[in-house]
C-alpha atoms as a PDB file:
ATOM      1  CA  MET A   1     -63.998 212.937-100.714  1.00  0.00           C
ATOM      2  CA  VAL A   2     -61.835 215.930 -99.800  1.00  0.00           C
ATOM      3  CA  SER A   3     -63.193 216.166 -96.244  1.00  0.00           C
ATOM      4  CA  LYS A   4     -62.401 212.515 -95.389  1.00  0.00           C
ATOM      5  CA  PRO A   5     -58.580 212.766 -95.111  1.00  0.00           C
ATOM      6  CA  SER A   6     -58.828 216.009 -93.133  1.00  0.00           C
ATOM      7  CA  HIS A   7     -61.156 214.233 -90.699  1.00  0.00           C
ATOM      8  CA  ASN A   8     -58.632 211.395 -90.299  1.00  0.00           C
ATOM      9  CA  VAL A   9     -55.836 213.879 -89.641  1.00  0.00           C
ATOM     10  CA  ARG A  10     -57.952 215.656 -87.057  1.00  0.00           C
ATOM     11  CA  HIS A  11     -58.742 212.349 -85.377  1.00  0.00           C
ATOM     12  CA  LYS A  12     -55.048 211.378 -85.267  1.00  0.00           C
ATOM     13  CA  ASN A  13     -54.186 214.745 -83.736  1.00  0.00           C
ATOM     14  CA  HIS A  14     -56.891 214.294 -81.121  1.00  0.00           C
ATOM     15  CA  GLN A  15     -55.585 210.836 -80.174  1.00  0.00           C
ATOM     16  CA  TYR A  16     -52.024 212.163 -79.898  1.00  0.00           C
ATOM     17  CA  GLN A  17     -53.171 215.041 -77.714  1.00  0.00           C
ATOM     18  CA  SER A  18     -55.137 212.781 -75.372  1.00  0.00           C
ATOM     19  CA  THR A  19     -52.161 210.419 -74.898  1.00  0.00           C
ATOM     20  CA  ASN A  20     -49.881 213.426 -74.336  1.00  0.00           C
ATOM     21  CA  ASP A  21     -52.109 215.058 -71.691  1.00  0.00           C
ATOM     22  CA  ARG A  22     -53.089 211.909 -69.821  1.00  0.00           C
ATOM     23  CA  SER A  23     -51.754 213.080 -66.445  1.00  0.00           C
ATOM     24  CA  ASP A  24     -53.649 216.376 -66.738  1.00  0.00           C
ATOM     25  CA  HIS A  25     -56.774 214.461 -67.726  1.00  0.00           C
ATOM     26  CA  ASN A  26     -56.496 212.172 -64.696  1.00  0.00           C
ATOM     27  CA  ARG A  27     -55.958 215.166 -62.428  1.00  0.00           C
ATOM     28  CA  TYR A  28     -59.021 216.820 -63.925  1.00  0.00           C
ATOM     29  CA  LYS A  29     -61.049 213.639 -63.444  1.00  0.00           C
ATOM     30  CA  SER A  30     -60.030 213.320 -59.800  1.00  0.00           C
ATOM     31  CA  LEU A  31     -60.815 217.003 -59.236  1.00  0.00           C
ATOM     32  CA  THR A  32     -64.270 216.693 -60.765  1.00  0.00           C
ATOM     33  CA  SER A  33     -64.982 213.534 -58.768  1.00  0.00           C
ATOM     34  CA  ALA A  34     -63.938 215.307 -55.560  1.00  0.00           C
ATOM     35  CA  ILE A  35     -66.207 218.242 -56.417  1.00  0.00           C
ATOM     36  CA  LEU A  36     -69.061 215.842 -57.162  1.00  0.00           C
ATOM     37  CA  ILE A  37     -68.573 214.074 -53.827  1.00  0.00           C
ATOM     38  CA  ALA A  38     -68.516 217.411 -51.991  1.00  0.00           C
ATOM     39  CA  VAL A  39     -71.683 218.541 -53.753  1.00  0.00           C
ATOM     40  CA  ARG A  40     -73.390 215.236 -52.970  1.00  0.00           C
ATOM     41  CA  THR A  41     -72.543 215.480 -49.273  1.00  0.00           C
ATOM     42  CA  LEU A  42     -73.698 219.105 -49.153  1.00  0.00           C
ATOM     43  CA  VAL A  43     -76.975 218.187 -50.840  1.00  0.00           C
ATOM     44  CA  ALA A  44     -77.480 215.252 -48.479  1.00  0.00           C
ATOM     45  CA  GLU A  45     -76.858 217.474 -45.444  1.00  0.00           C
ATOM     46  CA  ALA A  46     -79.215 220.137 -46.794  1.00  0.00           C
ATOM     47  CA  VAL A  47     -81.915 217.532 -47.433  1.00  0.00           C
ATOM     48  CA  THR A  48     -81.627 216.078 -43.936  1.00  0.00           C
ATOM     49  CA  ALA A  49     -81.670 219.570 -42.396  1.00  0.00           C
ATOM     50  CA  SER A  50     -84.733 220.600 -44.400  1.00  0.00           C
ATOM     51  CA  VAL A  51     -86.497 217.336 -43.556  1.00  0.00           C
ATOM     52  CA  SER A  52     -85.851 217.862 -39.839  1.00  0.00           C
ATOM     53  CA  LEU A  53     -86.945 221.515 -40.050  1.00  0.00           C
ATOM     54  CA  TYR A  54     -89.998 220.919 -42.239  1.00  0.00           C
ATOM     55  CA  PRO A  55     -92.366 219.596 -39.523  1.00  0.00           C
ATOM     56  CA  GLN A  56     -91.452 222.558 -37.280  1.00  0.00           C
ATOM     57  CA  LEU A  57     -92.286 224.950 -40.112  1.00  0.00           C
ATOM     58  CA  LEU A  58     -95.613 223.182 -40.635  1.00  0.00           C
ATOM     59  CA  ASP A  59     -96.343 223.365 -36.894  1.00  0.00           C
ATOM     60  CA  THR A  60     -95.633 227.096 -36.753  1.00  0.00           C
ATOM     61  CA  GLU A  61     -97.816 227.654 -39.815  1.00  0.00           C
ATOM     62  CA  ALA A  62    -100.665 225.688 -38.252  1.00  0.00           C
ATOM     63  CA  GLU A  63    -100.254 227.557 -34.951  1.00  0.00           C
ATOM     64  CA  SER A  64    -100.305 230.952 -36.668  1.00  0.00           C
ATOM     65  CA  GLU A  65    -103.430 229.904 -38.591  1.00  0.00           C
ATOM     66  CA  MET A  66    -105.107 228.786 -35.352  1.00  0.00           C
ATOM     67  CA  ARG A  67    -104.216 232.102 -33.664  1.00  0.00           C
ATOM     68  CA  SER A  68    -105.575 234.102 -36.587  1.00  0.00           C
ATOM     69  CA  MET A  69    -108.792 232.034 -36.448  1.00  0.00           C
ATOM     70  CA  GLU A  70    -109.084 232.671 -32.673  1.00  0.00           C
ATOM     71  CA  VAL A  71    -108.593 236.421 -33.146  1.00  0.00           C
ATOM     72  CA  ARG A  72    -111.408 236.487 -35.671  1.00  0.00           C
END
């Protein structure tokens, strides 16, 4: 029973804080969304680059294997 009013007070304080810092919260949200977008674009570029490079890597591996087989 004693912990219930303290919880209510804590909740009220939290609500007051969130309404007070709304501009900071929105700025933080926009910043995180911008970071997420940047990360997504970087990942997409990396994936496309690796996909375009992957067949070349496979070709070079196959060629090196063929050369090693010929040497033997």
